[in-house]
N, C-alpha and C. Protein backbone atom coordinates (compact mmCIF):
# COMPACT_ATOMS: atom_id res chain seq x y z
N MET A 1 304.16 38.85 8.25
CA MET A 1 302.85 39.78 7.38
C MET A 1 302.46 41.13 8.21
N THR A 2 301.64 42.14 6.88
CA THR A 2 301.95 42.96 7.47
C THR A 2 300.46 43.66 7.56
N PRO A 3 299.84 44.16 8.25
CA PRO A 3 298.32 44.50 8.84
C PRO A 3 298.20 44.97 6.68
N ASP A 4 296.80 44.82 6.82
CA ASP A 4 295.98 45.98 5.16
C ASP A 4 296.55 47.90 5.97
N ALA A 5 296.57 49.10 5.31
CA ALA A 5 296.07 50.08 5.44
C ALA A 5 294.40 50.24 7.00
N SER A 6 293.75 49.52 6.95
CA SER A 6 292.83 49.39 8.07
C SER A 6 292.98 48.72 8.80
N SER A 7 292.67 49.46 9.61
CA SER A 7 292.85 48.29 11.18
C SER A 7 292.43 47.92 11.43
N THR A 8 292.11 47.50 12.88
CA THR A 8 291.27 45.51 13.53
C THR A 8 290.74 45.60 12.42
N PRO A 9 289.50 44.77 11.95
CA PRO A 9 288.48 44.81 11.16
C PRO A 9 287.25 44.53 12.16
N SER A 10 286.40 44.56 11.62
CA SER A 10 284.54 45.32 12.55
C SER A 10 284.15 43.77 12.11
N VAL A 11 283.57 43.92 13.88
CA VAL A 11 282.92 41.96 13.90
C VAL A 11 281.96 41.83 12.81
N ASP A 12 281.26 42.83 12.83
CA ASP A 12 280.48 42.52 11.43
C ASP A 12 281.21 41.63 9.96
N ALA A 13 282.09 43.51 9.87
CA ALA A 13 282.76 42.10 9.16
C ALA A 13 283.48 40.89 8.66
N ARG A 14 283.89 40.56 9.58
CA ARG A 14 284.79 39.19 10.71
C ARG A 14 283.40 38.37 10.38
N ARG A 15 282.38 38.72 10.51
CA ARG A 15 281.25 37.94 11.11
C ARG A 15 280.86 37.87 9.10
N ALA A 16 281.03 39.12 7.93
CA ALA A 16 280.69 38.61 7.23
C ALA A 16 281.13 37.72 5.91
N ALA A 17 282.48 37.17 6.77
CA ALA A 17 283.32 37.03 5.95
C ALA A 17 283.08 35.02 6.41
N MET A 18 282.86 34.94 7.84
CA MET A 18 283.13 33.73 8.15
C MET A 18 281.17 32.89 7.10
N ARG A 19 280.94 34.20 7.47
CA ARG A 19 279.45 33.25 6.59
C ARG A 19 279.83 33.22 5.29
N LEU A 20 280.95 33.26 4.20
CA LEU A 20 280.89 32.71 3.56
C LEU A 20 281.99 31.92 3.14
N CYS A 21 282.46 31.83 4.49
CA CYS A 21 283.47 30.16 4.62
C CYS A 21 282.50 29.66 4.54
N ALA A 22 280.98 29.97 5.31
CA ALA A 22 280.76 28.48 5.88
C ALA A 22 280.10 28.26 5.15
N LEU A 23 279.54 28.65 4.02
CA LEU A 23 278.29 28.46 2.76
C LEU A 23 279.18 28.65 1.33
N ALA A 24 280.47 28.42 1.65
CA ALA A 24 281.58 27.46 0.49
C ALA A 24 281.58 26.65 0.56
N ARG A 25 282.26 25.93 -0.78
CA ARG A 25 282.78 24.62 -0.82
C ARG A 25 284.42 24.67 -0.58
N THR A 26 284.82 23.46 -0.60
CA THR A 26 285.54 22.98 -0.20
C THR A 26 286.61 23.28 -1.39
N ASP A 27 286.32 23.40 -2.63
CA ASP A 27 286.96 24.06 -3.45
C ASP A 27 287.65 25.40 -3.22
N GLU A 28 286.71 26.09 -3.22
CA GLU A 28 286.09 27.11 -2.97
C GLU A 28 287.34 28.31 -2.28
N LEU A 29 287.14 27.57 -1.07
CA LEU A 29 288.40 28.12 -0.54
C LEU A 29 289.43 27.68 -0.55
N GLU A 30 289.84 26.45 -0.97
CA GLU A 30 291.40 26.45 -1.56
C GLU A 30 292.47 27.39 -2.17
N ALA A 31 290.85 27.75 -3.74
CA ALA A 31 291.20 29.11 -4.13
C ALA A 31 291.38 30.15 -3.70
N ALA A 32 290.16 30.64 -2.55
CA ALA A 32 290.76 31.58 -1.63
C ALA A 32 292.51 32.25 -0.83
N LEU A 33 292.21 30.79 -1.03
CA LEU A 33 293.75 30.17 0.49
C LEU A 33 295.25 30.03 -0.88
N GLU A 34 295.11 29.71 -1.62
CA GLU A 34 295.75 29.94 -3.26
C GLU A 34 295.56 31.55 -3.61
N ALA A 35 294.20 31.76 -3.97
CA ALA A 35 294.29 33.64 -4.19
C ALA A 35 295.22 34.31 -3.09
N LEU A 36 295.61 34.18 -1.82
CA LEU A 36 295.71 34.79 -1.17
C LEU A 36 297.34 34.93 -0.29
N ASP A 37 297.65 33.24 -1.26
CA ASP A 37 298.95 33.40 -1.04
C ASP A 37 299.25 32.73 0.58
N ALA A 38 298.52 31.67 0.89
CA ALA A 38 298.91 31.63 2.46
C ALA A 38 300.26 30.49 2.92
N PRO A 39 299.82 30.97 4.27
CA PRO A 39 301.27 30.82 4.85
C PRO A 39 301.24 28.97 5.16
N GLY A 40 302.60 28.15 4.68
CA GLY A 40 301.52 27.27 4.84
C GLY A 40 302.01 26.45 6.34
N ALA A 41 303.24 27.11 7.56
CA ALA A 41 303.43 26.76 8.06
C ALA A 41 302.47 26.90 9.51
N VAL A 42 300.77 26.96 9.46
CA VAL A 42 299.82 27.13 10.28
C VAL A 42 299.80 25.76 11.08
N ALA A 43 299.77 26.46 12.75
CA ALA A 43 300.26 25.90 14.44
C ALA A 43 298.94 24.89 14.14
N ASP A 44 298.06 24.29 14.39
CA ASP A 44 296.87 24.07 14.74
C ASP A 44 296.82 23.55 17.10
N LEU A 45 296.07 24.70 16.61
CA LEU A 45 295.66 25.16 18.16
C LEU A 45 294.60 24.24 19.00
N ARG A 46 294.07 23.63 18.30
CA ARG A 46 292.75 22.34 18.26
C ARG A 46 293.30 22.20 16.94
N ARG A 47 293.34 20.71 17.37
CA ARG A 47 292.71 19.72 15.70
C ARG A 47 291.10 19.91 15.24
N PRO A 48 291.15 19.71 14.54
CA PRO A 48 289.32 19.05 13.53
C PRO A 48 289.05 18.08 14.41
N GLU A 49 287.56 18.06 14.49
CA GLU A 49 286.87 17.45 15.91
C GLU A 49 285.55 17.52 15.33
N THR A 50 285.16 15.86 15.46
CA THR A 50 284.00 16.02 15.04
C THR A 50 283.01 16.38 16.26
N GLY A 51 282.36 16.28 16.27
CA GLY A 51 280.77 16.30 17.44
C GLY A 51 279.98 16.08 17.03
N LEU A 52 279.39 17.16 17.70
CA LEU A 52 276.86 16.83 17.98
C LEU A 52 276.58 18.60 17.92
N VAL A 53 276.04 18.96 18.17
CA VAL A 53 274.90 20.02 18.78
C VAL A 53 273.57 20.07 18.87
N MET A 54 273.11 20.53 20.08
CA MET A 54 271.46 20.30 19.95
C MET A 54 271.44 20.96 19.16
N LEU A 55 270.06 21.46 17.61
CA LEU A 55 269.97 22.24 17.31
C LEU A 55 268.04 22.52 18.53
N ARG A 56 267.90 23.92 18.37
CA ARG A 56 267.31 24.14 19.37
C ARG A 56 266.14 24.73 18.03
N GLY A 57 264.61 24.95 18.63
CA GLY A 57 263.41 25.54 17.83
C GLY A 57 262.74 26.13 18.96
N ARG A 58 261.44 26.74 17.82
CA ARG A 58 260.46 27.29 19.18
C ARG A 58 259.42 27.67 17.89
N ILE A 59 258.43 26.85 18.78
CA ILE A 59 256.64 26.88 17.77
C ILE A 59 255.90 27.50 18.78
N GLY A 60 254.61 27.66 17.86
CA GLY A 60 253.52 28.41 18.75
C GLY A 60 253.55 30.09 19.76
N GLY A 61 252.45 30.08 19.90
CA GLY A 61 252.44 31.12 20.50
C GLY A 61 253.49 32.45 21.25
N ASP A 62 253.55 31.15 22.39
CA ASP A 62 254.03 32.04 23.49
C ASP A 62 255.81 32.10 23.09
N GLY A 63 255.97 31.25 22.35
CA GLY A 63 257.97 30.57 21.48
C GLY A 63 258.21 30.16 22.44
N ARG A 64 258.11 29.02 23.56
CA ARG A 64 258.53 28.52 23.85
C ARG A 64 259.47 27.19 22.93
N ALA A 65 260.67 27.51 23.98
CA ALA A 65 262.13 26.18 23.03
C ALA A 65 261.90 25.63 22.91
N PHE A 66 262.35 24.85 22.15
CA PHE A 66 262.43 22.13 22.11
C PHE A 66 263.34 22.52 21.24
N ASN A 67 264.19 21.11 22.00
CA ASN A 67 265.20 20.37 21.30
C ASN A 67 264.85 19.74 19.88
N ALA A 68 264.19 20.65 18.74
CA ALA A 68 264.57 19.63 18.04
C ALA A 68 265.29 18.96 17.35
N GLY A 69 266.66 18.06 17.43
CA GLY A 69 267.02 17.52 16.95
C GLY A 69 268.92 17.59 16.69
N GLU A 70 270.30 16.58 16.88
CA GLU A 70 271.17 16.63 17.00
C GLU A 70 272.23 17.10 15.42
N ALA A 71 272.79 18.64 14.98
CA ALA A 71 272.59 18.15 14.04
C ALA A 71 274.59 17.98 14.29
N THR A 72 275.45 17.50 12.75
CA THR A 72 277.34 16.97 13.11
C THR A 72 277.75 18.14 13.23
N VAL A 73 278.84 18.29 13.33
CA VAL A 73 278.84 19.49 13.37
C VAL A 73 280.65 19.79 13.63
N THR A 74 282.06 20.10 12.56
CA THR A 74 283.09 20.05 12.98
C THR A 74 283.66 21.87 13.48
N ARG A 75 285.07 21.40 14.19
CA ARG A 75 285.74 22.81 14.55
C ARG A 75 286.76 22.97 14.87
N VAL A 76 287.99 23.01 14.35
CA VAL A 76 288.88 23.31 14.06
C VAL A 76 289.88 24.66 14.92
N ALA A 77 290.76 25.14 15.84
CA ALA A 77 291.73 26.08 15.69
C ALA A 77 292.47 25.94 15.41
N VAL A 78 293.31 27.75 15.33
CA VAL A 78 294.62 27.00 13.66
C VAL A 78 295.24 28.38 14.63
N ARG A 79 296.32 29.11 14.01
CA ARG A 79 297.46 29.89 14.52
C ARG A 79 298.60 30.04 13.33
N LEU A 80 298.22 31.12 13.08
CA LEU A 80 299.09 31.53 11.98
C LEU A 80 300.88 31.73 12.52
N PRO A 81 301.34 31.91 11.25
CA PRO A 81 303.49 31.90 12.03
C PRO A 81 303.41 33.67 12.53
N SER A 82 302.22 34.56 12.86
CA SER A 82 302.80 35.86 13.01
C SER A 82 301.74 35.63 14.02
N GLY A 83 301.05 34.36 14.93
CA GLY A 83 300.28 34.58 16.53
C GLY A 83 298.52 35.33 15.91
N GLU A 84 298.15 34.76 14.61
CA GLU A 84 296.42 35.48 14.86
C GLU A 84 296.40 34.24 14.59
N ALA A 85 294.59 33.93 15.53
CA ALA A 85 294.48 32.77 15.61
C ALA A 85 293.00 33.40 15.12
N GLY A 86 292.77 31.68 14.34
CA GLY A 86 291.50 31.55 13.77
C GLY A 86 290.52 30.57 14.13
N PHE A 87 289.24 30.72 13.40
CA PHE A 87 288.64 30.00 14.46
C PHE A 87 287.24 29.29 13.50
N ALA A 88 286.32 28.13 13.67
CA ALA A 88 285.87 27.70 12.14
C ALA A 88 285.17 26.68 12.64
N TRP A 89 283.95 26.63 12.90
CA TRP A 89 282.82 24.86 12.71
C TRP A 89 282.73 25.25 12.23
N HIS A 90 281.26 23.76 11.22
CA HIS A 90 280.47 24.06 9.41
C HIS A 90 280.58 22.54 10.69
N LEU A 91 278.85 22.87 9.48
CA LEU A 91 277.85 20.79 9.49
C LEU A 91 278.13 20.36 8.50
N GLY A 92 278.68 19.11 8.82
CA GLY A 92 279.28 18.34 8.12
C GLY A 92 280.44 17.58 8.81
N ARG A 93 280.99 16.93 8.54
CA ARG A 93 282.49 16.24 8.64
C ARG A 93 283.23 16.27 7.83
N ASP A 94 283.36 17.41 7.30
CA ASP A 94 284.53 17.51 6.07
C ASP A 94 286.04 18.84 7.87
N ALA A 95 286.54 18.12 7.68
CA ALA A 95 287.55 18.72 8.31
C ALA A 95 288.21 19.46 7.99
N ALA A 96 288.89 18.81 6.71
CA ALA A 96 289.69 20.34 5.72
C ALA A 96 288.75 20.92 5.11
N ARG A 97 288.02 21.51 5.12
CA ARG A 97 287.18 22.76 4.35
C ARG A 97 287.54 22.66 5.91
N ALA A 98 286.99 22.56 7.43
CA ALA A 98 286.83 23.49 8.53
C ALA A 98 287.55 24.14 8.97
N ARG A 99 288.70 22.99 8.34
CA ARG A 99 290.24 23.97 8.73
C ARG A 99 290.62 25.12 8.35
N LYS A 100 290.91 25.44 6.43
CA LYS A 100 290.66 26.30 5.74
C LYS A 100 289.95 27.42 6.30
N ALA A 101 288.78 27.22 6.49
CA ALA A 101 287.81 28.77 6.59
C ALA A 101 288.46 30.03 8.02
N ALA A 102 288.92 28.38 8.66
CA ALA A 102 289.71 28.33 10.19
C ALA A 102 291.09 29.79 10.10
N ILE A 103 291.79 29.20 8.27
CA ILE A 103 292.75 29.17 7.98
C ILE A 103 292.39 30.86 7.55
N LEU A 104 291.12 31.20 7.15
CA LEU A 104 290.71 32.19 6.35
C LEU A 104 290.71 33.34 7.08
N ASP A 105 289.59 32.71 8.75
CA ASP A 105 289.64 33.34 9.73
C ASP A 105 290.87 34.97 10.37
N ALA A 106 291.66 33.54 10.45
CA ALA A 106 293.12 34.17 10.45
C ALA A 106 293.51 34.92 9.97
N LEU A 107 293.18 35.05 8.11
CA LEU A 107 294.25 35.36 7.99
C LEU A 107 293.24 37.08 7.62
N PHE A 108 291.81 36.99 8.17
CA PHE A 108 291.41 38.12 7.95
C PHE A 108 291.89 39.01 8.87
N GLN A 109 292.19 38.55 10.14
CA GLN A 109 292.48 40.10 10.89
C GLN A 109 294.07 40.13 10.83
N VAL A 110 294.20 39.62 9.81
CA VAL A 110 295.54 40.37 9.25
C VAL A 110 295.34 41.50 8.00
N ARG A 111 295.00 40.94 6.97
CA ARG A 111 294.38 41.48 5.81
C ARG A 111 293.44 41.65 5.41
N PRO A 112 292.08 42.53 5.90
CA PRO A 112 290.84 41.69 6.05
C PRO A 112 290.46 42.54 4.11
N GLN A 113 291.21 43.58 3.49
CA GLN A 113 290.96 43.82 2.41
C GLN A 113 290.78 42.63 1.29
N ALA A 114 292.05 41.83 0.91
CA ALA A 114 292.27 41.02 0.25
C ALA A 114 291.71 39.62 0.53
N VAL A 115 291.73 39.41 2.62
CA VAL A 115 290.67 37.89 2.05
C VAL A 115 289.05 38.46 1.69
N ALA A 116 288.39 39.70 1.91
CA ALA A 116 286.89 39.51 1.75
C ALA A 116 287.57 39.99 -0.17
N ALA A 117 288.50 40.29 -0.45
CA ALA A 117 288.07 40.32 -2.37
C ALA A 117 288.41 38.31 -2.52
N ALA A 118 289.48 37.84 -1.96
CA ALA A 118 288.86 36.30 -2.43
C ALA A 118 288.03 35.50 -2.23
N LEU A 119 287.30 36.00 -0.87
CA LEU A 119 286.01 35.80 -0.66
C LEU A 119 284.65 36.10 -1.68
N ALA A 120 285.06 36.83 -2.88
CA ALA A 120 283.88 37.47 -3.10
C ALA A 120 283.35 37.08 -4.43
N PRO A 121 284.41 35.87 -4.52
CA PRO A 121 282.95 35.27 -6.18
C PRO A 121 282.44 33.97 -5.48
N ILE A 122 282.52 33.33 -3.89
CA ILE A 122 281.88 32.55 -3.08
C ILE A 122 280.37 33.35 -2.80
N GLY A 123 280.27 34.88 -2.84
CA GLY A 123 279.20 35.74 -1.80
C GLY A 123 278.65 35.68 -4.06
N ALA A 124 279.55 36.38 -4.43
CA ALA A 124 278.72 35.95 -6.07
C ALA A 124 278.23 34.95 -6.63
N ARG A 125 278.87 33.61 -5.56
CA ARG A 125 277.72 32.31 -5.78
C ARG A 125 277.25 33.02 -5.60
N VAL A 126 276.77 32.19 -4.08
CA VAL A 126 275.40 32.79 -3.43
C VAL A 126 274.71 33.38 -3.55
N GLU A 127 274.90 34.48 -4.35
CA GLU A 127 273.83 35.61 -4.32
C GLU A 127 273.42 34.98 -5.30
N ALA A 128 273.56 34.42 -6.76
CA ALA A 128 272.92 34.26 -7.82
C ALA A 128 272.07 32.33 -7.10
N GLU A 129 272.76 31.72 -6.61
CA GLU A 129 271.51 31.07 -6.22
C GLU A 129 270.71 31.73 -5.40
N ARG A 130 270.86 32.70 -4.46
CA ARG A 130 269.79 33.16 -3.49
C ARG A 130 268.64 33.34 -4.83
N ALA A 131 269.13 34.51 -6.00
CA ALA A 131 268.48 34.65 -6.90
C ALA A 131 267.80 34.08 -7.16
N ALA A 132 268.51 33.40 -8.30
CA ALA A 132 267.50 31.63 -8.69
C ALA A 132 266.51 30.62 -8.05
N GLN A 133 267.16 30.37 -6.75
CA GLN A 133 265.75 29.90 -5.71
C GLN A 133 264.20 31.31 -6.33
N ALA A 134 264.75 31.99 -5.52
CA ALA A 134 263.16 33.52 -5.61
C ALA A 134 263.44 33.54 -6.89
N ARG A 135 263.18 33.12 -7.80
CA ARG A 135 262.54 32.98 -8.99
C ARG A 135 261.90 32.53 -9.55
N ARG A 136 262.51 30.23 -8.86
CA ARG A 136 261.19 29.65 -8.25
C ARG A 136 260.44 29.37 -7.68
N VAL A 137 260.86 30.13 -6.94
CA VAL A 137 259.44 30.55 -5.93
C VAL A 137 257.88 31.06 -7.09
N ALA A 138 258.97 32.53 -7.10
CA ALA A 138 258.35 33.35 -7.67
C ALA A 138 257.11 32.80 -8.50
N ALA A 139 257.65 31.75 -9.69
CA ALA A 139 257.18 31.33 -10.83
C ALA A 139 255.95 30.55 -9.98
N THR A 140 255.87 29.75 -8.42
CA THR A 140 254.13 28.76 -7.83
C THR A 140 253.78 29.58 -7.48
N LYS A 141 253.50 31.34 -7.35
CA LYS A 141 253.44 32.47 -6.36
C LYS A 141 251.43 32.34 -6.61
N VAL A 142 250.34 32.32 -6.51
CA VAL A 142 250.00 32.93 -5.84
C VAL A 142 248.86 33.79 -6.46
N ASP A 143 248.04 34.54 -6.32
CA ASP A 143 247.85 36.22 -6.12
C ASP A 143 246.64 35.72 -5.38
N PHE A 144 246.08 35.74 -4.35
CA PHE A 144 244.71 35.24 -3.93
C PHE A 144 244.17 37.19 -3.58
N PHE A 145 242.65 37.15 -4.22
CA PHE A 145 242.49 38.52 -3.53
C PHE A 145 240.31 38.58 -3.19
N THR A 146 240.11 39.20 -2.66
CA THR A 146 238.52 39.05 -2.66
C THR A 146 237.68 39.23 -3.27
N MET A 147 236.87 39.35 -3.40
CA MET A 147 235.94 40.06 -4.95
C MET A 147 234.57 39.37 -3.39
N VAL A 148 233.62 41.33 -3.88
CA VAL A 148 232.16 41.82 -3.01
C VAL A 148 231.77 41.68 -3.87
N ARG A 149 230.70 40.96 -3.90
CA ARG A 149 229.38 40.17 -4.20
C ARG A 149 228.40 41.32 -3.93
N GLY A 150 227.90 41.40 -4.50
CA GLY A 150 226.18 42.17 -4.33
C GLY A 150 225.14 42.44 -2.93
N GLU A 151 224.65 40.53 -3.11
CA GLU A 151 224.67 40.43 -2.04
C GLU A 151 224.10 40.49 -0.46
N ASP A 152 225.49 41.00 -0.50
CA ASP A 152 226.39 41.06 1.27
C ASP A 152 226.25 42.80 1.93
């Protein structure tokens, strides 16, 4: 694979791409990989593993941390034939989804613009869902005001 005209993608751009992978459904990741003509011979550096992570929270005025509970996550690491390694952690037990995200992470290091373009429909869906949620919340908004009375 030949790299795009740009050099190494920025950390922020890679983080944004992985955010979209984390929010994507399995079929959306599959569509992105098909659009990129992903290589078939991807080696597993770390096969998909499912485990638990501790969720931490903060509450109160002092913000002391506490353990809120555990969440199931699946992690995977892959290597492309050209040598780039990709990593992914996903909530839940969907190993195929995590592996596809890891492949997209590895491809992002080689072709950042192409991967960003392939993930654009996911970003559009996520933004549309966020806007719809904002509209639903705005419909229930109550504006309180204070009325000054003459006796005070």
